[in-house]
Amino acid sequence: MSNNALAAIALTIMTLSTPATAATPWRSCSGPPVADAAHELLPCTDRPNCVSTEHPADERRIVPPAAVSIDALRQAALTEPRSQIVAEGPQWFIAHFRSRLLGFIDEAHVIQRPDGQLAVRSGACSGYSDFGVNRARLLRIFTRASGTKRLE
């Protein structure tokens, strides 16, 4: 292949690829669109089927372990049954988890901020209560990713 052909291919790839700083819009299964999934979590609704690192109420807030990489969390999320990564970037991902019996979907969104802090939200896509399933799942994922025995 000639140098001109290689340059044309490289220019095409550069033109088609999205820069890392560009906003990444996402339409969550449980609410309004998120303008930039790489930097912004959707807030939990008033239904008790969601937990978040950013929730103002203690009973709905979850604290991730310190010093866990986004890649470790991504791999730990994929070990959950019926899980799949539906969107991702270098410092964030969104995973869906399907329930075994009725096929309900929960959505988890994880962002690693530039300062290393994790922002996490996990909630049911439908229904009123999740009976604590999202909190329990995130705790299992945090435990696997951090290599600890159990987090509370």
Protein backbone atom coordinates (compact mmCIF):
# COMPACT_ATOMS: atom_id res chain seq x y z
CA MET A 1 0.00 0.00 0.00
CA SER A 2 1.33 3.42 -0.89
CA ASN A 3 2.09 6.17 1.62
CA ASN A 4 -0.75 8.26 0.14
CA ALA A 5 -3.25 5.43 0.69
CA LEU A 6 -2.06 4.95 4.27
CA ALA A 7 -2.32 8.69 4.92
CA ALA A 8 -5.87 8.73 3.52
CA ILE A 9 -6.86 5.81 5.76
CA ALA A 10 -5.30 7.48 8.79
CA LEU A 11 -7.11 10.76 8.02
CA THR A 12 -10.43 8.90 7.64
CA ILE A 13 -9.97 7.11 10.96
CA MET A 14 -9.03 10.34 12.73
CA THR A 15 -12.05 12.11 11.24
CA LEU A 16 -14.48 9.34 12.24
CA SER A 17 -13.18 8.79 15.76
CA THR A 18 -14.58 10.83 18.63
CA PRO A 19 -12.07 12.76 20.73
CA ALA A 20 -11.83 11.67 24.38
CA THR A 21 -13.00 15.10 25.52
CA ALA A 22 -16.20 15.05 23.47
CA ALA A 23 -19.50 14.60 25.29
CA THR A 24 -20.91 11.08 25.23
CA PRO A 25 -24.73 11.24 25.32
CA TRP A 26 -26.60 8.31 26.84
CA ARG A 27 -30.30 7.51 27.14
CA SER A 28 -30.74 5.66 30.43
CA CYS A 29 -33.39 2.99 30.66
CA SER A 30 -34.83 4.66 33.77
CA GLY A 31 -34.95 8.34 33.05
CA PRO A 32 -34.07 11.33 30.93
CA PRO A 33 -31.00 11.43 28.72
CA VAL A 34 -27.58 12.06 30.22
CA ALA A 35 -25.71 14.72 28.26
CA ASP A 36 -22.27 13.25 28.98
CA ALA A 37 -22.08 9.68 30.32
CA ALA A 38 -18.32 9.99 30.73
CA HIS A 39 -18.72 12.70 33.38
CA GLU A 40 -22.34 12.81 34.62
CA LEU A 41 -24.53 10.36 36.56
CA LEU A 42 -28.28 10.39 36.25
CA PRO A 43 -29.80 11.18 39.67
CA CYS A 44 -31.93 8.50 41.34
CA THR A 45 -35.68 9.00 41.16
CA ASP A 46 -37.86 9.10 44.29
CA ARG A 47 -38.49 5.32 44.02
CA PRO A 48 -36.46 3.08 46.37
CA ASN A 49 -34.90 1.07 43.53
CA CYS A 50 -31.65 2.99 43.12
CA VAL A 51 -28.40 3.68 45.00
CA SER A 52 -25.74 6.23 44.14
CA THR A 53 -22.53 7.71 45.46
CA GLU A 54 -24.16 11.11 44.93
CA HIS A 55 -27.51 10.48 46.66
CA PRO A 56 -28.21 12.93 49.52
CA ALA A 57 -30.00 10.33 51.70
CA ASP A 58 -27.75 8.02 53.73
CA GLU A 59 -29.92 4.94 53.09
CA ARG A 60 -29.63 5.42 49.33
CA ARG A 61 -25.95 6.41 49.23
CA ILE A 62 -23.26 3.84 48.55
CA VAL A 63 -19.53 4.27 49.16
CA PRO A 64 -17.12 2.51 46.79
CA PRO A 65 -13.76 1.24 47.99
CA ALA A 66 -10.73 3.47 47.59
CA ALA A 67 -8.05 2.80 44.99
CA VAL A 68 -10.00 0.46 42.70
CA SER A 69 -9.43 0.81 38.99
CA ILE A 70 -12.22 1.22 36.48
CA ASP A 71 -10.93 -1.86 34.64
CA ALA A 72 -11.18 -3.99 37.79
CA LEU A 73 -14.76 -2.79 38.30
CA ARG A 74 -15.63 -3.49 34.66
CA GLN A 75 -14.29 -7.05 34.93
CA ALA A 76 -16.03 -7.60 38.28
CA ALA A 77 -19.33 -6.38 36.81
CA LEU A 78 -19.04 -8.85 33.95
CA THR A 79 -18.78 -11.76 36.39
CA GLU A 80 -22.34 -11.09 37.54
CA PRO A 81 -24.85 -13.47 35.93
CA ARG A 82 -26.68 -12.11 32.87
CA SER A 83 -24.53 -8.97 32.72
CA GLN A 84 -23.32 -7.01 29.76
CA ILE A 85 -21.49 -3.75 29.15
CA VAL A 86 -23.79 -1.63 26.96
CA ALA A 87 -21.63 1.50 26.68
CA GLU A 88 -18.11 2.35 27.75
CA GLY A 89 -15.14 4.65 27.50
CA PRO A 90 -11.66 4.67 29.01
CA GLN A 91 -12.82 6.02 32.39
CA TRP A 92 -16.49 4.93 32.52
CA PHE A 93 -18.93 2.17 31.67
CA ILE A 94 -22.62 1.33 31.80
CA ALA A 95 -23.70 -2.24 32.51
CA HIS A 96 -27.07 -3.95 32.34
CA PHE A 97 -28.03 -6.84 34.58
CA ARG A 98 -31.07 -8.98 33.69
CA SER A 99 -32.98 -10.80 36.44
CA ARG A 100 -33.20 -14.56 36.12
CA LEU A 101 -36.93 -15.13 36.47
CA LEU A 102 -38.77 -12.18 34.96
CA GLY A 103 -36.00 -10.58 32.92
CA PHE A 104 -36.11 -7.16 34.62
CA ILE A 105 -33.14 -4.95 33.79
CA ASP A 106 -31.05 -2.96 36.27
CA GLU A 107 -28.54 -0.42 34.99
CA ALA A 108 -25.24 0.47 36.66
CA HIS A 109 -23.19 3.48 35.62
CA VAL A 110 -19.59 3.84 36.85
CA ILE A 111 -17.31 6.82 36.29
CA GLN A 112 -13.74 7.25 37.48
CA ARG A 113 -13.23 10.98 37.98
CA PRO A 114 -9.90 12.63 37.05
CA ASP A 115 -8.96 12.74 40.76
CA GLY A 116 -9.45 8.94 40.98
CA GLN A 117 -12.75 9.09 42.88
CA LEU A 118 -15.52 6.78 41.72
CA ALA A 119 -19.03 7.96 40.94
CA VAL A 120 -21.52 5.08 40.80
CA ARG A 121 -25.26 4.76 40.27
CA SER A 122 -27.25 1.54 40.01
CA GLY A 123 -31.00 1.37 39.65
CA ALA A 124 -33.90 -0.62 38.31
CA CYS A 125 -35.13 0.32 34.85
CA SER A 126 -38.73 -0.27 35.89
CA GLY A 127 -40.82 -0.98 38.97
CA TYR A 128 -40.97 0.64 42.36
CA SER A 129 -38.68 -1.26 44.74
CA ASP A 130 -35.69 -3.45 44.02
CA PHE A 131 -35.65 -5.03 47.51
CA GLY A 132 -32.00 -3.99 47.94
CA VAL A 133 -30.76 -5.89 44.88
CA ASN A 134 -28.78 -2.98 43.38
CA ARG A 135 -26.93 -2.24 46.63
CA ALA A 136 -26.13 -5.93 47.15
CA ARG A 137 -24.89 -6.32 43.56
CA LEU A 138 -22.65 -3.24 43.78
CA LEU A 139 -21.20 -4.48 47.06
CA ARG A 140 -20.37 -7.83 45.40
CA ILE A 141 -18.76 -6.00 42.46
CA PHE A 142 -16.78 -3.73 44.81
CA THR A 143 -15.64 -6.77 46.81
CA ARG A 144 -14.45 -8.63 43.71
CA ALA A 145 -12.73 -5.56 42.25
CA SER A 146 -10.93 -4.65 45.46
CA GLY A 147 -9.96 -8.19 46.41
CA THR A 148 -11.38 -7.78 49.91
CA LYS A 149 -13.44 -10.37 51.73
CA ARG A 150 -16.62 -8.32 52.12
CA LEU A 151 -17.69 -4.69 52.09
CA GLU A 152 -20.71 -3.33 53.95
